[in-house]
Protein backbone atom coordinates (compact mmCIF):
# COMPACT_ATOMS: atom_id res chain seq x y z
CA UNK A 1 2.18 -14.82 47.24
CA UNK A 2 -1.24 -14.73 46.53
CA UNK A 3 -1.90 -11.64 45.31
CA UNK A 4 0.59 -12.06 43.02
CA UNK A 5 -0.87 -14.80 41.81
CA UNK A 6 -4.07 -13.72 41.33
CA UNK A 7 -3.05 -10.04 40.12
CA UNK A 8 -0.92 -12.50 36.96
CA UNK A 9 -4.22 -14.33 36.59
CA UNK A 10 -6.25 -11.49 36.16
CA UNK A 11 -3.91 -10.05 33.50
CA UNK A 12 -3.66 -12.78 31.57
CA UNK A 13 -7.07 -13.62 31.10
CA UNK A 14 -10.00 -11.91 29.32
CA UNK A 15 -11.36 -8.99 30.20
CA UNK A 16 -14.75 -8.24 30.08
CA UNK A 17 -16.68 -5.30 29.75
CA UNK A 18 -20.01 -3.50 28.77
CA UNK A 19 -20.93 -1.41 25.53
CA UNK A 20 -19.84 1.91 25.08
CA UNK A 21 -17.54 1.36 28.72
CA UNK A 22 -13.96 2.95 28.22
CA UNK A 23 -11.02 1.06 28.73
CA UNK A 24 -7.81 1.42 30.05
CA UNK A 25 -5.83 -1.48 29.75
CA UNK A 26 -2.20 -3.23 29.50
CA UNK A 27 -0.37 -7.03 28.92
CA UNK A 28 3.59 -7.21 28.77
CA UNK A 29 4.14 -8.12 25.51
CA UNK A 30 7.45 -10.11 24.22
CA UNK A 31 9.60 -7.70 22.05
CA UNK A 32 9.12 -9.34 18.94
CA UNK A 33 6.02 -11.29 19.32
CA UNK A 34 2.52 -11.15 17.47
CA UNK A 35 -0.54 -8.59 17.71
CA UNK A 36 -3.36 -9.34 16.73
CA UNK A 37 -5.96 -6.53 16.51
CA UNK A 38 -9.99 -7.42 15.49
CA UNK A 39 -12.82 -4.40 15.66
CA UNK A 40 -16.06 -4.32 13.65
CA UNK A 41 -16.69 -0.82 13.48
CA UNK A 42 -14.95 2.74 14.82
CA UNK A 43 -11.32 4.15 14.33
CA UNK A 44 -8.39 2.55 15.24
CA UNK A 45 -5.27 3.77 16.24
CA UNK A 46 -1.63 1.78 16.41
CA UNK A 47 1.37 3.10 17.50
CA UNK A 48 4.78 1.76 17.89
CA UNK A 49 7.11 2.61 20.87
CA UNK A 50 9.71 1.17 22.77
CA UNK A 51 7.62 -0.56 25.55
CA UNK A 52 7.82 -4.87 25.85
CA UNK A 53 3.60 -3.59 26.73
CA UNK A 54 0.52 -3.58 24.77
CA UNK A 55 -1.66 -1.23 26.01
CA UNK A 56 -5.27 -0.52 25.00
CA UNK A 57 -7.22 2.99 25.89
CA UNK A 58 -10.07 3.96 24.24
CA UNK A 59 -14.29 3.68 24.36
CA UNK A 60 -15.46 0.42 23.22
CA UNK A 61 -17.92 0.20 20.65
CA UNK A 62 -22.00 1.35 21.69
CA UNK A 63 -23.19 -2.16 21.09
CA UNK A 64 -20.49 -4.22 21.77
CA UNK A 65 -21.06 -6.97 23.96
CA UNK A 66 -17.51 -7.10 25.48
CA UNK A 67 -14.19 -8.09 24.40
CA UNK A 68 -11.02 -9.96 24.83
CA UNK A 69 -7.50 -9.14 25.82
CA UNK A 70 -5.01 -11.53 26.65
CA UNK A 71 -1.89 -13.24 25.66
CA UNK A 72 -1.05 -16.13 24.53
CA UNK A 73 2.67 -17.35 24.42
CA UNK A 74 4.17 -14.59 22.30
CA UNK A 75 0.75 -13.52 21.17
CA UNK A 76 -1.10 -10.67 22.48
CA UNK A 77 -4.94 -10.78 20.70
CA UNK A 78 -7.45 -8.54 21.81
CA UNK A 79 -10.91 -8.07 19.78
CA UNK A 80 -13.98 -7.17 20.22
CA UNK A 81 -17.36 -9.11 20.63
CA UNK A 82 -20.22 -8.31 18.60
CA UNK A 83 -23.77 -9.87 18.63
CA UNK A 84 -24.85 -10.93 14.83
CA UNK A 85 -26.29 -7.74 13.03
CA UNK A 86 -25.81 -5.32 9.83
CA UNK A 87 -23.80 -2.57 11.32
CA UNK A 88 -23.41 0.29 8.13
CA UNK A 89 -23.14 3.35 10.83
CA UNK A 90 -19.08 4.25 11.68
CA UNK A 91 -20.10 6.24 14.32
CA UNK A 92 -21.54 4.28 16.58
CA UNK A 93 -18.18 1.61 16.66
CA UNK A 94 -15.22 1.57 18.94
CA UNK A 95 -12.87 4.42 18.91
CA UNK A 96 -9.65 2.31 20.19
CA UNK A 97 -5.83 3.40 20.64
CA UNK A 98 -2.86 0.77 21.12
CA UNK A 99 0.72 0.38 22.01
CA UNK A 100 2.52 -2.14 21.39
CA UNK A 101 6.91 -3.13 21.57
CA UNK A 102 7.68 -1.17 17.97
CA UNK A 103 9.14 -4.44 16.40
CA UNK A 104 6.15 -6.56 16.42
CA UNK A 105 4.21 -8.35 13.32
CA UNK A 106 0.60 -6.69 13.30
CA UNK A 107 -2.33 -8.46 12.06
CA UNK A 108 -5.61 -6.08 12.40
CA UNK A 109 -8.55 -6.07 10.48
CA UNK A 110 -11.73 -5.06 10.27
CA UNK A 111 -15.13 -3.91 8.39
CA UNK A 112 -16.36 -0.67 9.09
CA UNK A 113 -13.27 0.98 10.66
CA UNK A 114 -10.58 3.37 10.32
CA UNK A 115 -6.68 2.31 10.72
CA UNK A 116 -4.63 4.55 11.80
CA UNK A 117 -0.94 2.86 12.15
CA UNK A 118 2.58 4.42 12.77
CA UNK A 119 6.33 3.19 13.72
CA UNK A 120 5.40 -0.45 13.45
CA UNK A 121 9.27 -2.26 12.22
CA UNK A 122 8.17 -6.17 12.51
CA UNK A 123 6.32 -6.21 9.73
CA UNK A 124 2.07 -5.19 9.18
CA UNK A 125 -1.02 -7.08 7.86
CA UNK A 126 -4.25 -4.32 7.71
CA UNK A 127 -7.55 -5.20 6.27
CA UNK A 128 -10.26 -3.40 6.34
CA UNK A 129 -13.96 -2.58 4.37
CA UNK A 130 -16.14 0.50 4.12
CA UNK A 131 -12.30 2.47 5.08
CA UNK A 132 -9.38 4.40 4.87
CA UNK A 133 -6.12 3.45 5.82
CA UNK A 134 -3.13 5.64 6.71
CA UNK A 135 0.04 4.29 7.55
CA UNK A 136 3.40 5.62 8.28
CA UNK A 137 6.94 4.73 9.28
CA UNK A 138 5.94 1.18 8.67
CA UNK A 139 9.07 -1.01 7.48
CA UNK A 140 9.61 -5.40 6.75
CA UNK A 141 6.72 -6.87 4.68
CA UNK A 142 3.53 -4.24 5.31
CA UNK A 143 0.34 -5.58 3.49
CA UNK A 144 -2.48 -3.00 3.52
CA UNK A 145 -6.14 -3.38 2.02
CA UNK A 146 -9.18 -2.06 1.64
CA UNK A 147 -12.86 -1.83 -0.08
CA UNK A 148 -14.30 1.46 -0.52
CA UNK A 149 -11.50 3.26 1.01
CA UNK A 150 -8.53 5.13 0.34
CA UNK A 151 -4.61 4.43 2.04
CA UNK A 152 -2.31 7.46 2.15
CA UNK A 153 1.60 6.49 3.39
CA UNK A 154 4.31 7.65 4.37
CA UNK A 155 8.22 6.68 4.97
CA UNK A 156 7.19 2.70 4.27
CA UNK A 157 10.03 0.47 3.90
CA UNK A 158 10.73 -3.01 2.74
CA UNK A 159 8.38 -4.93 1.01
CA UNK A 160 4.82 -3.41 0.33
CA UNK A 161 1.93 -4.63 -0.94
CA UNK A 162 -0.70 -2.46 -1.14
CA UNK A 163 -4.43 -2.87 -2.81
CA UNK A 164 -7.72 -0.59 -3.05
CA UNK A 165 -10.75 -1.39 -4.48
CA UNK A 166 -13.29 1.99 -5.40
CA UNK A 167 -10.52 4.23 -3.56
CA UNK A 168 -6.82 5.63 -4.17
CA UNK A 169 -3.64 5.12 -2.81
CA UNK A 170 -1.01 7.91 -2.39
CA UNK A 171 1.83 7.16 -1.15
CA UNK A 172 5.55 9.25 0.01
CA UNK A 173 8.71 8.01 0.59
CA UNK A 174 9.12 4.35 0.08
CA UNK A 175 11.77 2.73 -0.24
CA UNK A 176 12.06 -1.24 -1.05
CA UNK A 177 9.78 -2.81 -2.94
CA UNK A 178 6.59 -1.42 -3.86
CA UNK A 179 3.37 -3.51 -5.71
CA UNK A 180 -0.02 -1.38 -5.36
CA UNK A 181 -3.33 -2.44 -7.16
CA UNK A 182 -6.79 -0.60 -7.63
CA UNK A 183 -10.00 -0.04 -9.53
CA UNK A 184 -11.68 2.86 -9.53
CA UNK A 185 -9.01 4.45 -7.70
CA UNK A 186 -6.07 6.64 -8.67
CA UNK A 187 -2.24 6.01 -7.65
CA UNK A 188 0.06 8.48 -6.71
CA UNK A 189 3.63 8.45 -5.49
CA UNK A 190 6.70 9.51 -5.12
CA UNK A 191 9.51 6.72 -3.83
CA UNK A 192 12.87 5.72 -4.01
CA UNK A 193 11.97 1.35 -4.42
CA UNK A 194 13.75 0.05 -7.13
CA UNK A 195 11.42 -2.88 -7.56
CA UNK A 196 8.01 -0.97 -8.81
CA UNK A 197 4.61 -2.96 -10.05
CA UNK A 198 1.82 -1.11 -9.91
CA UNK A 199 -1.59 -1.96 -11.79
CA UNK A 200 -4.79 0.13 -12.31
CA UNK A 201 -8.03 0.03 -13.86
CA UNK A 202 -10.37 2.95 -15.03
CA UNK A 203 -8.03 5.35 -12.58
CA UNK A 204 -4.98 6.91 -13.22
CA UNK A 205 -1.28 6.62 -12.46
CA UNK A 206 1.15 9.42 -11.21
CA UNK A 207 4.34 8.04 -10.21
CA UNK A 208 7.67 9.44 -9.62
CA UNK A 209 10.27 6.65 -9.24
CA UNK A 210 13.00 8.49 -7.44
CA UNK A 211 15.70 5.68 -7.11
CA UNK A 212 19.40 6.13 -7.58
CA UNK A 213 18.71 2.94 -9.52
CA UNK A 214 15.78 1.87 -10.48
CA UNK A 215 15.76 -2.17 -11.33
CA UNK A 216 12.45 -2.97 -12.53
CA UNK A 217 9.34 -0.68 -13.51
CA UNK A 218 6.54 -3.20 -13.90
CA UNK A 219 3.49 -0.69 -15.27
CA UNK A 220 -0.15 -2.45 -16.32
CA UNK A 221 -3.03 0.50 -16.53
CA UNK A 222 -6.80 0.52 -18.04
CA UNK A 223 -9.42 2.86 -19.50
CA UNK A 224 -7.09 6.10 -17.52
CA UNK A 225 -3.37 7.38 -18.04
CA UNK A 226 -0.07 7.16 -16.81
CA UNK A 227 2.37 10.01 -16.31
CA UNK A 228 5.63 8.26 -15.18
CA UNK A 229 9.07 10.32 -14.19
CA UNK A 230 12.23 8.20 -13.71
CA UNK A 231 14.87 9.81 -12.02
CA UNK A 232 18.04 7.04 -13.40
CA UNK A 233 17.12 3.76 -14.90
CA UNK A 234 19.97 0.89 -13.80
CA UNK A 235 22.25 0.53 -16.40
CA UNK A 236 20.75 -3.37 -16.51
CA UNK A 237 17.12 -1.65 -15.56
CA UNK A 238 14.16 -3.84 -16.94
CA UNK A 239 10.58 -1.07 -17.40
CA UNK A 240 7.59 -2.69 -19.57
CA UNK A 241 4.56 -0.83 -19.32
CA UNK A 242 1.23 -2.51 -20.85
CA UNK A 243 -2.03 -0.15 -21.21
CA UNK A 244 -5.37 -0.31 -23.18
CA UNK A 245 -7.18 3.14 -23.82
CA UNK A 246 -5.15 5.50 -22.24
CA UNK A 247 -2.75 8.07 -22.48
CA UNK A 248 1.52 7.50 -21.44
CA UNK A 249 3.76 9.50 -20.65
CA UNK A 250 7.66 8.21 -19.60
CA UNK A 251 10.09 11.01 -18.59
CA UNK A 252 13.34 9.60 -18.28
CA UNK A 253 17.00 10.74 -18.09
CA UNK A 254 18.18 11.82 -22.09
CA UNK A 255 21.25 10.41 -21.06
CA UNK A 256 19.87 6.50 -20.37
CA UNK A 257 21.21 4.07 -21.66
CA UNK A 258 18.41 1.52 -23.14
CA UNK A 259 16.99 -0.50 -26.54
CA UNK A 260 13.11 1.17 -26.87
CA UNK A 261 10.81 -1.27 -28.23
CA UNK A 262 7.36 0.22 -28.34
CA UNK A 263 3.97 -0.92 -30.17
CA UNK A 264 0.97 0.95 -30.86
CA UNK A 265 -2.01 -1.21 -31.69
CA UNK A 266 -5.47 -0.05 -32.83
CA UNK A 267 -4.91 3.50 -33.10
CA UNK A 268 -2.97 5.86 -31.05
CA UNK A 269 0.13 7.17 -31.85
CA UNK A 270 3.58 7.61 -30.57
CA UNK A 271 5.93 10.80 -29.90
CA UNK A 272 9.30 10.41 -29.36
CA UNK A 273 11.26 13.97 -27.82
CA UNK A 274 13.51 11.51 -26.22
CA UNK A 275 15.63 12.11 -29.17
CA UNK A 276 15.58 11.79 -32.75
CA UNK A 277 14.26 8.32 -34.29
CA UNK A 278 10.58 8.75 -35.37
CA UNK A 279 7.73 5.77 -35.19
CA UNK A 280 6.70 3.80 -38.44
CA UNK A 281 2.81 3.32 -39.27
CA UNK A 282 2.13 0.04 -41.13
CA UNK A 283 1.12 -0.04 -44.89
CA UNK A 284 -1.50 -0.79 -44.26
CA UNK A 285 -3.78 -0.65 -41.04
CA UNK A 286 -3.61 1.18 -37.53
CA UNK A 287 -1.11 1.54 -34.95
CA UNK A 288 2.73 2.42 -35.23
CA UNK A 289 5.48 1.34 -33.74
CA UNK A 290 9.22 2.23 -32.89
CA UNK A 291 12.62 0.67 -32.64
CA UNK A 292 15.72 2.36 -31.13
CA UNK A 293 18.88 1.92 -29.04
CA UNK A 294 19.84 5.13 -27.33
CA UNK A 295 23.80 5.49 -25.59
CA UNK A 296 24.48 1.76 -25.91
CA UNK A 297 21.39 0.15 -24.96
CA UNK A 298 22.30 -1.61 -22.10
CA UNK A 299 18.68 -1.31 -20.07
CA UNK A 300 15.23 -2.03 -22.09
CA UNK A 301 11.97 -0.54 -22.09
CA UNK A 302 9.13 -2.11 -23.59
CA UNK A 303 5.22 -0.20 -23.83
CA UNK A 304 2.46 -2.26 -25.61
CA UNK A 305 -0.57 0.16 -26.09
CA UNK A 306 -3.87 -0.76 -27.06
CA UNK A 307 -6.22 2.79 -28.74
CA UNK A 308 -3.49 4.88 -26.49
CA UNK A 309 -1.12 7.56 -26.59
CA UNK A 310 2.72 6.88 -25.99
CA UNK A 311 4.73 9.26 -25.38
CA UNK A 312 8.66 9.12 -24.46
CA UNK A 313 10.47 12.49 -23.32
CA UNK A 314 12.87 13.90 -21.86
CA UNK A 315 12.70 15.79 -17.69
């Protein structure tokens, strides 16, 4: 009896380790609980599995004072304890692999950390500074954010929000609802999402919207170009694109049913290869515009630009 209580107590209490020590430890966890992982620097891999346990293995940061690994109700918490200081060398950081229940809701953050995350279906929130994020097969609510790093994703599904500053976003085979934001980093996405919102400053956008029925597409781009290919726009679909100092190319099904309103202010031009309609120039001043309706005009396409070129073409 006493041995059983001692074993259980040791599993639930915080664990302390010396810097650089190898870790190999497991805690029981709720199948759909929360997992919180906080590590300042290094490389972290997080993998969803079928067991109702959280397992951590690897090596602790060379300068760490220790770590906590504990369960609090439906939460499992792992935190590396670092002394105060200015850390810039990722190579001395922790190298850790976590296995967590696949239906967990994951929260993880770091500073000088590269993350690899896969197979989590209860929702994921990952934040890092000066690090990359690689994510695959995540679902539910997915939030990924980095500064000075790239984000690469594959097979995400659900409500997806991704932000990167001084780094790009590469997305493949996502579904659901997308919201991407970048500054000084390109967006390259092939997606089946039906609701898409993209914002980019100083970097190009390449989007292949492959949904059978795209419902909404909103794009804001500045000092960059956007190349957009829409497989099929829903009859009541809506496309809104705003550009400053860039080149906008929008490829659509030539049988698309939509009303078009294109406005180009302060220079630039409109090139229409989708139909025989021609853009008009004002009697005085720069700019051009194109208003047209194709195949009944059930959807809406609106593009507004300043000092940019707009091109419509069939795919």
